[in-house]
Amino acid sequence: CLRLETPLPGACQADNLGGVVAALALTRARSGVSVAHLNRGL
């Protein structure tokens, strides 16, 4: 469960952000991305 700020304006960006988080979570074993990296990058 993550609470995140949408980094780009527009209502559609919530759906885009949701897909990005899922993609990063599923590839985390390759990338090593943490929740801290997620917040900093966004």
PDB file of all heavy atoms in Angstrom:
ATOM      1  N   CYS A   1       0.852  -1.188   0.000  1.00  0.00           N
ATOM      2  CA  CYS A   1       0.000   0.000   0.000  1.00  0.00           C
ATOM      3  C   CYS A   1       0.887   1.236   0.000  1.00  0.00           C
ATOM      4  O   CYS A   1       1.700   1.427   0.910  1.00  0.00           O
ATOM      5  CB  CYS A   1      -0.921   0.004   1.222  1.00  0.00           C
ATOM      6  SG  CYS A   1      -2.014   1.451   1.289  1.00  0.00           S
ATOM      7  N   LEU A   2       0.746   2.051  -1.031  1.00  0.00           N
ATOM      8  CA  LEU A   2       1.589   3.234  -1.183  1.00  0.00           C
ATOM      9  C   LEU A   2       0.715   4.468  -1.356  1.00  0.00           C
ATOM     10  O   LEU A   2      -0.296   4.441  -2.067  1.00  0.00           O
ATOM     11  CB  LEU A   2       2.482   3.088  -2.425  1.00  0.00           C
ATOM     12  CG  LEU A   2       3.425   1.885  -2.463  1.00  0.00           C
ATOM     13  CD1 LEU A   2       4.029   1.751  -3.847  1.00  0.00           C
ATOM     14  CD2 LEU A   2       4.515   2.043  -1.419  1.00  0.00           C
ATOM     15  N   ARG A   3       1.126   5.556  -0.734  1.00  0.00           N
ATOM     16  CA  ARG A   3       0.482   6.858  -0.971  1.00  0.00           C
ATOM     17  C   ARG A   3       1.468   7.720  -1.744  1.00  0.00           C
ATOM     18  O   ARG A   3       2.575   7.976  -1.257  1.00  0.00           O
ATOM     19  CB  ARG A   3       0.085   7.519   0.355  1.00  0.00           C
ATOM     20  CG  ARG A   3      -1.084   6.814   1.029  1.00  0.00           C
ATOM     21  CD  ARG A   3      -1.450   7.456   2.346  1.00  0.00           C
ATOM     22  NE  ARG A   3      -2.581   6.774   2.959  1.00  0.00           N
ATOM     23  CZ  ARG A   3      -3.839   7.224   2.951  1.00  0.00           C
ATOM     24  NH1 ARG A   3      -4.106   8.371   2.343  1.00  0.00           N
ATOM     25  NH2 ARG A   3      -4.802   6.550   3.541  1.00  0.00           N
ATOM     26  N   LEU A   4       1.074   8.130  -2.916  1.00  0.00           N
ATOM     27  CA  LEU A   4       1.998   8.778  -3.845  1.00  0.00           C
ATOM     28  C   LEU A   4       1.397  10.058  -4.398  1.00  0.00           C
ATOM     29  O   LEU A   4       0.174  10.174  -4.560  1.00  0.00           O
ATOM     30  CB  LEU A   4       2.323   7.830  -5.014  1.00  0.00           C
ATOM     31  CG  LEU A   4       2.884   6.453  -4.643  1.00  0.00           C
ATOM     32  CD1 LEU A   4       2.801   5.518  -5.837  1.00  0.00           C
ATOM     33  CD2 LEU A   4       4.318   6.592  -4.163  1.00  0.00           C
ATOM     34  N   GLU A   5       2.264  11.000  -4.716  1.00  0.00           N
ATOM     35  CA  GLU A   5       1.850  12.218  -5.403  1.00  0.00           C
ATOM     36  C   GLU A   5       1.942  11.996  -6.907  1.00  0.00           C
ATOM     37  O   GLU A   5       2.934  11.446  -7.399  1.00  0.00           O
ATOM     38  CB  GLU A   5       2.749  13.396  -4.999  1.00  0.00           C
ATOM     39  CG  GLU A   5       2.662  13.774  -3.529  1.00  0.00           C
ATOM     40  CD  GLU A   5       1.291  14.278  -3.145  1.00  0.00           C
ATOM     41  OE1 GLU A   5       0.672  15.019  -3.947  1.00  0.00           O
ATOM     42  OE2 GLU A   5       0.818  13.905  -2.053  1.00  0.00           O
ATOM     43  N   THR A   6       0.924  12.410  -7.652  1.00  0.00           N
ATOM     44  CA  THR A   6       0.990  12.323  -9.113  1.00  0.00           C
ATOM     45  C   THR A   6       1.901  13.443  -9.613  1.00  0.00           C
ATOM     46  O   THR A   6       1.645  14.615  -9.337  1.00  0.00           O
ATOM     47  CB  THR A   6      -0.401  12.447  -9.742  1.00  0.00           C
ATOM     48  OG1 THR A   6      -1.085  13.560  -9.156  1.00  0.00           O
ATOM     49  CG2 THR A   6      -1.212  11.197  -9.510  1.00  0.00           C
ATOM     50  N   PRO A   7       2.961  13.110 -10.331  1.00  0.00           N
ATOM     51  CA  PRO A   7       3.946  14.123 -10.678  1.00  0.00           C
ATOM     52  C   PRO A   7       3.568  14.999 -11.858  1.00  0.00           C
ATOM     53  O   PRO A   7       4.176  16.045 -12.070  1.00  0.00           O
ATOM     54  CB  PRO A   7       5.186  13.291 -11.010  1.00  0.00           C
ATOM     55  CG  PRO A   7       4.637  12.001 -11.524  1.00  0.00           C
ATOM     56  CD  PRO A   7       3.380  11.757 -10.740  1.00  0.00           C
ATOM     57  N   LEU A   8       2.576  14.583 -12.641  1.00  0.00           N
ATOM     58  CA  LEU A   8       2.187  15.321 -13.833  1.00  0.00           C
ATOM     59  C   LEU A   8       0.718  15.705 -13.732  1.00  0.00           C
ATOM     60  O   LEU A   8      -0.086  14.965 -13.163  1.00  0.00           O
ATOM     61  CB  LEU A   8       2.426  14.472 -15.093  1.00  0.00           C
ATOM     62  CG  LEU A   8       3.876  14.046 -15.335  1.00  0.00           C
ATOM     63  CD1 LEU A   8       3.956  13.032 -16.469  1.00  0.00           C
ATOM     64  CD2 LEU A   8       4.757  15.260 -15.632  1.00  0.00           C
ATOM     65  N   PRO A   9       0.324  16.863 -14.283  1.00  0.00           N
ATOM     66  CA  PRO A   9      -1.067  17.310 -14.167  1.00  0.00           C
ATOM     67  C   PRO A   9      -2.000  16.525 -15.084  1.00  0.00           C
ATOM     68  O   PRO A   9      -1.591  15.964 -16.092  1.00  0.00           O
ATOM     69  CB  PRO A   9      -0.989  18.785 -14.577  1.00  0.00           C
ATOM     70  CG  PRO A   9       0.198  18.865 -15.480  1.00  0.00           C
ATOM     71  CD  PRO A   9       1.177  17.857 -14.954  1.00  0.00           C
ATOM     72  N   GLY A  10      -3.284  16.515 -14.710  1.00  0.00           N
ATOM     73  CA  GLY A  10      -4.289  15.826 -15.512  1.00  0.00           C
ATOM     74  C   GLY A  10      -4.814  14.592 -14.802  1.00  0.00           C
ATOM     75  O   GLY A  10      -4.043  13.821 -14.217  1.00  0.00           O
ATOM     76  N   ALA A  11      -6.129  14.391 -14.859  1.00  0.00           N
ATOM     77  CA  ALA A  11      -6.754  13.283 -14.143  1.00  0.00           C
ATOM     78  C   ALA A  11      -6.273  11.928 -14.642  1.00  0.00           C
ATOM     79  O   ALA A  11      -6.184  10.970 -13.866  1.00  0.00           O
ATOM     80  CB  ALA A  11      -8.275  13.378 -14.278  1.00  0.00           C
ATOM     81  N   CYS A  12      -5.953  11.821 -15.923  1.00  0.00           N
ATOM     82  CA  CYS A  12      -5.527  10.540 -16.487  1.00  0.00           C
ATOM     83  C   CYS A  12      -4.184  10.073 -15.930  1.00  0.00           C
ATOM     84  O   CYS A  12      -3.846   8.885 -16.030  1.00  0.00           O
ATOM     85  CB  CYS A  12      -5.442  10.635 -18.004  1.00  0.00           C
ATOM     86  SG  CYS A  12      -4.284  11.895 -18.586  1.00  0.00           S
ATOM     87  N   GLN A  13      -3.426  10.979 -15.314  1.00  0.00           N
ATOM     88  CA  GLN A  13      -2.101  10.607 -14.829  1.00  0.00           C
ATOM     89  C   GLN A  13      -2.162   9.646 -13.641  1.00  0.00           C
ATOM     90  O   GLN A  13      -1.184   8.945 -13.361  1.00  0.00           O
ATOM     91  CB  GLN A  13      -1.302  11.851 -14.453  1.00  0.00           C
ATOM     92  CG  GLN A  13      -0.989  12.772 -15.620  1.00  0.00           C
ATOM     93  CD  GLN A  13      -0.095  12.118 -16.669  1.00  0.00           C
ATOM     94  OE1 GLN A  13       0.468  11.047 -16.455  1.00  0.00           O
ATOM     95  NE2 GLN A  13       0.035  12.760 -17.811  1.00  0.00           N
ATOM     96  N   ALA A  14      -3.289   9.579 -12.950  1.00  0.00           N
ATOM     97  CA  ALA A  14      -3.409   8.609 -11.857  1.00  0.00           C
ATOM     98  C   ALA A  14      -3.344   7.187 -12.408  1.00  0.00           C
ATOM     99  O   ALA A  14      -2.672   6.318 -11.843  1.00  0.00           O
ATOM    100  CB  ALA A  14      -4.713   8.826 -11.101  1.00  0.00           C
ATOM    101  N   ASP A  15      -4.035   6.941 -13.529  1.00  0.00           N
ATOM    102  CA  ASP A  15      -3.990   5.616 -14.149  1.00  0.00           C
ATOM    103  C   ASP A  15      -2.588   5.312 -14.677  1.00  0.00           C
ATOM    104  O   ASP A  15      -2.095   4.183 -14.539  1.00  0.00           O
ATOM    105  CB  ASP A  15      -5.005   5.521 -15.287  1.00  0.00           C
ATOM    106  CG  ASP A  15      -6.441   5.533 -14.789  1.00  0.00           C
ATOM    107  OD1 ASP A  15      -6.680   5.053 -13.657  1.00  0.00           O
ATOM    108  OD2 ASP A  15      -7.321   6.025 -15.513  1.00  0.00           O
ATOM    109  N   ASN A  16      -1.959   6.321 -15.288  1.00  0.00           N
ATOM    110  CA  ASN A  16      -0.597   6.115 -15.777  1.00  0.00           C
ATOM    111  C   ASN A  16       0.353   5.772 -14.632  1.00  0.00           C
ATOM    112  O   ASN A  16       1.176   4.858 -14.728  1.00  0.00           O
ATOM    113  CB  ASN A  16      -0.095   7.375 -16.494  1.00  0.00           C
ATOM    114  CG  ASN A  16      -0.870   7.684 -17.754  1.00  0.00           C
ATOM    115  OD1 ASN A  16      -1.435   6.790 -18.388  1.00  0.00           O
ATOM    116  ND2 ASN A  16      -0.906   8.951 -18.135  1.00  0.00           N
ATOM    117  N   LEU A  17       0.221   6.507 -13.530  1.00  0.00           N
ATOM    118  CA  LEU A  17       1.068   6.263 -12.363  1.00  0.00           C
ATOM    119  C   LEU A  17       0.836   4.855 -11.812  1.00  0.00           C
ATOM    120  O   LEU A  17       1.792   4.160 -11.437  1.00  0.00           O
ATOM    121  CB  LEU A  17       0.799   7.312 -11.288  1.00  0.00           C
ATOM    122  CG  LEU A  17       1.517   7.139  -9.953  1.00  0.00           C
ATOM    123  CD1 LEU A  17       3.033   7.076 -10.134  1.00  0.00           C
ATOM    124  CD2 LEU A  17       1.138   8.264  -8.996  1.00  0.00           C
ATOM    125  N   GLY A  18      -0.413   4.427 -11.782  1.00  0.00           N
ATOM    126  CA  GLY A  18      -0.710   3.091 -11.293  1.00  0.00           C
ATOM    127  C   GLY A  18       0.005   2.021 -12.092  1.00  0.00           C
ATOM    128  O   GLY A  18       0.591   1.080 -11.520  1.00  0.00           O
ATOM    129  N   GLY A  19      -0.004   2.146 -13.423  1.00  0.00           N
ATOM    130  CA  GLY A  19       0.687   1.178 -14.265  1.00  0.00           C
ATOM    131  C   GLY A  19       2.188   1.216 -14.081  1.00  0.00           C
ATOM    132  O   GLY A  19       2.858   0.172 -14.087  1.00  0.00           O
ATOM    133  N   VAL A  20       2.733   2.410 -13.898  1.00  0.00           N
ATOM    134  CA  VAL A  20       4.178   2.556 -13.692  1.00  0.00           C
ATOM    135  C   VAL A  20       4.602   1.876 -12.398  1.00  0.00           C
ATOM    136  O   VAL A  20       5.616   1.160 -12.354  1.00  0.00           O
ATOM    137  CB  VAL A  20       4.562   4.055 -13.691  1.00  0.00           C
ATOM    138  CG1 VAL A  20       5.954   4.265 -13.102  1.00  0.00           C
ATOM    139  CG2 VAL A  20       4.491   4.615 -15.103  1.00  0.00           C
ATOM    140  N   VAL A  21       3.845   2.081 -11.331  1.00  0.00           N
ATOM    141  CA  VAL A  21       4.195   1.467 -10.047  1.00  0.00           C
ATOM    142  C   VAL A  21       4.145  -0.054 -10.163  1.00  0.00           C
ATOM    143  O   VAL A  21       5.043  -0.762  -9.674  1.00  0.00           O
ATOM    144  CB  VAL A  21       3.257   1.958  -8.925  1.00  0.00           C
ATOM    145  CG1 VAL A  21       3.543   1.218  -7.627  1.00  0.00           C
ATOM    146  CG2 VAL A  21       3.422   3.456  -8.722  1.00  0.00           C
ATOM    147  N   ALA A  22       3.114  -0.575 -10.833  1.00  0.00           N
ATOM    148  CA  ALA A  22       3.024  -2.026 -11.017  1.00  0.00           C
ATOM    149  C   ALA A  22       4.215  -2.546 -11.812  1.00  0.00           C
ATOM    150  O   ALA A  22       4.803  -3.583 -11.480  1.00  0.00           O
ATOM    151  CB  ALA A  22       1.716  -2.379 -11.710  1.00  0.00           C
ATOM    152  N   ALA A  23       4.599  -1.819 -12.870  1.00  0.00           N
ATOM    153  CA  ALA A  23       5.745  -2.242 -13.693  1.00  0.00           C
ATOM    154  C   ALA A  23       7.034  -2.254 -12.877  1.00  0.00           C
ATOM    155  O   ALA A  23       7.841  -3.186 -12.983  1.00  0.00           O
ATOM    156  CB  ALA A  23       5.883  -1.316 -14.899  1.00  0.00           C
ATOM    157  N   LEU A  24       7.220  -1.232 -12.064  1.00  0.00           N
ATOM    158  CA  LEU A  24       8.435  -1.162 -11.243  1.00  0.00           C
ATOM    159  C   LEU A  24       8.446  -2.251 -10.172  1.00  0.00           C
ATOM    160  O   LEU A  24       9.498  -2.826  -9.868  1.00  0.00           O
ATOM    161  CB  LEU A  24       8.538   0.218 -10.605  1.00  0.00           C
ATOM    162  CG  LEU A  24       8.835   1.368 -11.573  1.00  0.00           C
ATOM    163  CD1 LEU A  24       8.583   2.709 -10.907  1.00  0.00           C
ATOM    164  CD2 LEU A  24      10.263   1.284 -12.090  1.00  0.00           C
ATOM    165  N   ALA A  25       7.272  -2.533  -9.613  1.00  0.00           N
ATOM    166  CA  ALA A  25       7.200  -3.582  -8.603  1.00  0.00           C
ATOM    167  C   ALA A  25       7.531  -4.947  -9.200  1.00  0.00           C
ATOM    168  O   ALA A  25       8.253  -5.748  -8.601  1.00  0.00           O
ATOM    169  CB  ALA A  25       5.798  -3.602  -7.979  1.00  0.00           C
ATOM    170  N   LEU A  26       7.023  -5.206 -10.403  1.00  0.00           N
ATOM    171  CA  LEU A  26       7.231  -6.509 -11.036  1.00  0.00           C
ATOM    172  C   LEU A  26       8.654  -6.696 -11.558  1.00  0.00           C
ATOM    173  O   LEU A  26       9.077  -7.825 -11.794  1.00  0.00           O
ATOM    174  CB  LEU A  26       6.222  -6.699 -12.170  1.00  0.00           C
ATOM    175  CG  LEU A  26       4.761  -6.877 -11.725  1.00  0.00           C
ATOM    176  CD1 LEU A  26       3.838  -6.851 -12.922  1.00  0.00           C
ATOM    177  CD2 LEU A  26       4.591  -8.166 -10.941  1.00  0.00           C
ATOM    178  N   THR A  27       9.375  -5.617 -11.762  1.00  0.00           N
ATOM    179  CA  THR A  27      10.762  -5.718 -12.248  1.00  0.00           C
ATOM    180  C   THR A  27      11.766  -5.380 -11.149  1.00  0.00           C
ATOM    181  O   THR A  27      12.949  -5.192 -11.414  1.00  0.00           O
ATOM    182  CB  THR A  27      10.987  -4.783 -13.450  1.00  0.00           C
ATOM    183  OG1 THR A  27      10.624  -3.444 -13.098  1.00  0.00           O
ATOM    184  CG2 THR A  27      10.162  -5.224 -14.652  1.00  0.00           C
ATOM    185  N   ARG A  28      11.298  -5.319  -9.915  1.00  0.00           N
ATOM    186  CA  ARG A  28      12.149  -4.882  -8.812  1.00  0.00           C
ATOM    187  C   ARG A  28      13.360  -5.789  -8.609  1.00  0.00           C
ATOM    188  O   ARG A  28      14.452  -5.325  -8.240  1.00  0.00           O
ATOM    189  CB  ARG A  28      11.328  -4.820  -7.522  1.00  0.00           C
ATOM    190  CG  ARG A  28      12.082  -4.293  -6.319  1.00  0.00           C
ATOM    191  CD  ARG A  28      11.178  -4.231  -5.089  1.00  0.00           C
ATOM    192  NE  ARG A  28      11.922  -3.749  -3.939  1.00  0.00           N
ATOM    193  CZ  ARG A  28      12.687  -4.479  -3.157  1.00  0.00           C
ATOM    194  NH1 ARG A  28      12.829  -5.785  -3.426  1.00  0.00           N
ATOM    195  NH2 ARG A  28      13.318  -3.963  -2.120  1.00  0.00           N
ATOM    196  N   ALA A  29      13.209  -7.077  -8.892  1.00  0.00           N
ATOM    197  CA  ALA A  29      14.342  -7.991  -8.716  1.00  0.00           C
ATOM    198  C   ALA A  29      15.496  -7.629  -9.640  1.00  0.00           C
ATOM    199  O   ALA A  29      16.661  -7.834  -9.291  1.00  0.00           O
ATOM    200  CB  ALA A  29      13.890  -9.432  -8.973  1.00  0.00           C
ATOM    201  N   ARG A  30      15.185  -7.069 -10.816  1.00  0.00           N
ATOM    202  CA  ARG A  30      16.231  -6.652 -11.758  1.00  0.00           C
ATOM    203  C   ARG A  30      16.764  -5.260 -11.444  1.00  0.00           C
ATOM    204  O   ARG A  30      17.952  -4.982 -11.628  1.00  0.00           O
ATOM    205  CB  ARG A  30      15.681  -6.663 -13.193  1.00  0.00           C
ATOM    206  CG  ARG A  30      15.433  -8.027 -13.785  1.00  0.00           C
ATOM    207  CD  ARG A  30      16.697  -8.669 -14.337  1.00  0.00           C
ATOM    208  NE  ARG A  30      17.357  -7.881 -15.366  1.00  0.00           N
ATOM    209  CZ  ARG A  30      17.054  -7.933 -16.667  1.00  0.00           C
ATOM    210  NH1 ARG A  30      16.083  -8.736 -17.073  1.00  0.00           N
ATOM    211  NH2 ARG A  30      17.728  -7.213 -17.537  1.00  0.00           N
ATOM    212  N   SER A  31      15.885  -4.373 -11.019  1.00  0.00           N
ATOM    213  CA  SER A  31      16.269  -2.960 -10.884  1.00  0.00           C
ATOM    214  C   SER A  31      16.711  -2.566  -9.485  1.00  0.00           C
ATOM    215  O   SER A  31      17.475  -1.618  -9.316  1.00  0.00           O
ATOM    216  CB  SER A  31      15.094  -2.067 -11.290  1.00  0.00           C
ATOM    217  OG  SER A  31      14.038  -2.176 -10.346  1.00  0.00           O
ATOM    218  N   GLY A  32      16.206  -3.248  -8.471  1.00  0.00           N
ATOM    219  CA  GLY A  32      16.516  -2.866  -7.100  1.00  0.00           C
ATOM    220  C   GLY A  32      15.800  -1.615  -6.633  1.00  0.00           C
ATOM    221  O   GLY A  32      16.182  -1.002  -5.632  1.00  0.00           O
ATOM    222  N   VAL A  33      14.738  -1.200  -7.324  1.00  0.00           N
ATOM    223  CA  VAL A  33      14.014   0.009  -6.952  1.00  0.00           C
ATOM    224  C   VAL A  33      13.329  -0.180  -5.603  1.00  0.00           C
ATOM    225  O   VAL A  33      12.674  -1.196  -5.356  1.00  0.00           O
ATOM    226  CB  VAL A  33      12.964   0.365  -8.039  1.00  0.00           C
ATOM    227  CG1 VAL A  33      12.001   1.425  -7.536  1.00  0.00           C
ATOM    228  CG2 VAL A  33      13.654   0.854  -9.295  1.00  0.00           C
ATOM    229  N   SER A  34      13.487   0.800  -4.737  1.00  0.00           N
ATOM    230  CA  SER A  34      12.825   0.799  -3.434  1.00  0.00           C
ATOM    231  C   SER A  34      11.712   1.842  -3.431  1.00  0.00           C
ATOM    232  O   SER A  34      11.608   2.662  -4.343  1.00  0.00           O
ATOM    233  CB  SER A  34      13.827   1.122  -2.331  1.00  0.00           C
ATOM    234  OG  SER A  34      14.252   2.476  -2.435  1.00  0.00           O
ATOM    235  N   VAL A  35      10.910   1.833  -2.384  1.00  0.00           N
ATOM    236  CA  VAL A  35       9.852   2.840  -2.259  1.00  0.00           C
ATOM    237  C   VAL A  35      10.462   4.238  -2.152  1.00  0.00           C
ATOM    238  O   VAL A  35       9.919   5.210  -2.689  1.00  0.00           O
ATOM    239  CB  VAL A  35       8.955   2.522  -1.050  1.00  0.00           C
ATOM    240  CG1 VAL A  35       7.954   3.652  -0.804  1.00  0.00           C
ATOM    241  CG2 VAL A  35       8.205   1.204  -1.286  1.00  0.00           C
ATOM    242  N   ALA A  36      11.608   4.348  -1.502  1.00  0.00           N
ATOM    243  CA  ALA A  36      12.280   5.655  -1.413  1.00  0.00           C
ATOM    244  C   ALA A  36      12.700   6.141  -2.796  1.00  0.00           C
ATOM    245  O   ALA A  36      12.551   7.328  -3.123  1.00  0.00           O
ATOM    246  CB  ALA A  36      13.503   5.549  -0.501  1.00  0.00           C
ATOM    247  N   HIS A  37      13.227   5.235  -3.619  1.00  0.00           N
ATOM    248  CA  HIS A  37      13.573   5.603  -5.001  1.00  0.00           C
ATOM    249  C   HIS A  37      12.331   6.035  -5.770  1.00  0.00           C
ATOM    250  O   HIS A  37      12.369   6.988  -6.567  1.00  0.00           O
ATOM    251  CB  HIS A  37      14.211   4.411  -5.727  1.00  0.00           C
ATOM    252  CG  HIS A  37      15.490   3.945  -5.134  1.00  0.00           C
ATOM    253  ND1 HIS A  37      15.811   2.615  -5.013  1.00  0.00           N
ATOM    254  CD2 HIS A  37      16.554   4.635  -4.616  1.00  0.00           C
ATOM    255  CE1 HIS A  37      17.009   2.490  -4.465  1.00  0.00           C
ATOM    256  NE2 HIS A  37      17.477   3.704  -4.210  1.00  0.00           N
ATOM    257  N   LEU A  38      11.233   5.319  -5.546  1.00  0.00           N
ATOM    258  CA  LEU A  38       9.981   5.630  -6.231  1.00  0.00           C
ATOM    259  C   LEU A  38       9.546   7.060  -5.921  1.00  0.00           C
ATOM    260  O   LEU A  38       9.262   7.852  -6.834  1.00  0.00           O
ATOM    261  CB  LEU A  38       8.915   4.627  -5.797  1.00  0.00           C
ATOM    262  CG  LEU A  38       7.507   4.806  -6.362  1.00  0.00           C
ATOM    263  CD1 LEU A  38       7.500   4.640  -7.866  1.00  0.00           C
ATOM    264  CD2 LEU A  38       6.545   3.815  -5.710  1.00  0.00           C
ATOM    265  N   ASN A  39       9.512   7.416  -4.665  1.00  0.00           N
ATOM    266  CA  ASN A  39       9.087   8.763  -4.285  1.00  0.00           C
ATOM    267  C   ASN A  39      10.041   9.831  -4.802  1.00  0.00           C
ATOM    268  O   ASN A  39       9.616  10.883  -5.290  1.00  0.00           O
ATOM    269  CB  ASN A  39       8.970   8.855  -2.760  1.00  0.00           C
ATOM    270  CG  ASN A  39       7.719   8.182  -2.232  1.00  0.00           C
ATOM    271  OD1 ASN A  39       6.617   8.507  -2.644  1.00  0.00           O
ATOM    272  ND2 ASN A  39       7.880   7.225  -1.332  1.00  0.00           N
ATOM    273  N   ARG A  40      11.346   9.548  -4.724  1.00  0.00           N
ATOM    274  CA  ARG A  40      12.331  10.528  -5.186  1.00  0.00           C
ATOM    275  C   ARG A  40      12.226  10.729  -6.695  1.00  0.00           C
ATOM    276  O   ARG A  40      12.274  11.853  -7.195  1.00  0.00           O
ATOM    277  CB  ARG A  40      13.736  10.075  -4.811  1.00  0.00           C
ATOM    278  CG  ARG A  40      14.806  11.152  -4.989  1.00  0.00           C
ATOM    279  CD  ARG A  40      16.187  10.608  -4.655  1.00  0.00           C
ATOM    280  NE  ARG A  40      16.159   9.859  -3.409  1.00  0.00           N
ATOM    281  CZ  ARG A  40      16.798   8.721  -3.217  1.00  0.00           C
ATOM    282  NH1 ARG A  40      17.527   8.186  -4.188  1.00  0.00           N
ATOM    283  NH2 ARG A  40      16.737   8.113  -2.055  1.00  0.00           N
ATOM    284  N   GLY A  41      12.081   9.638  -7.429  1.00  0.00           N
ATOM    285  CA  GLY A  41      11.988   9.749  -8.880  1.00  0.00           C
ATOM    286  C   GLY A  41      10.731  10.465  -9.324  1.00  0.00           C
ATOM    287  O   GLY A  41      10.773  11.321 -10.214  1.00  0.00           O
ATOM    288  N   LEU A  42       9.597  10.141  -8.719  1.00  0.00           N
ATOM    289  CA  LEU A  42       8.353  10.812  -9.093  1.00  0.00           C
ATOM    290  C   LEU A  42       8.434  12.307  -8.825  1.00  0.00           C
ATOM    291  O   LEU A  42       7.929  13.116  -9.608  1.00  0.00           O
ATOM    292  CB  LEU A  42       7.176  10.197  -8.327  1.00  0.00           C
ATOM    293  CG  LEU A  42       6.818   8.750  -8.691  1.00  0.00           C
ATOM    294  CD1 LEU A  42       5.690   8.238  -7.810  1.00  0.00           C
ATOM    295  CD2 LEU A  42       6.451   8.617 -10.164  1.00  0.00           C
TER     296      LEU A  42
END
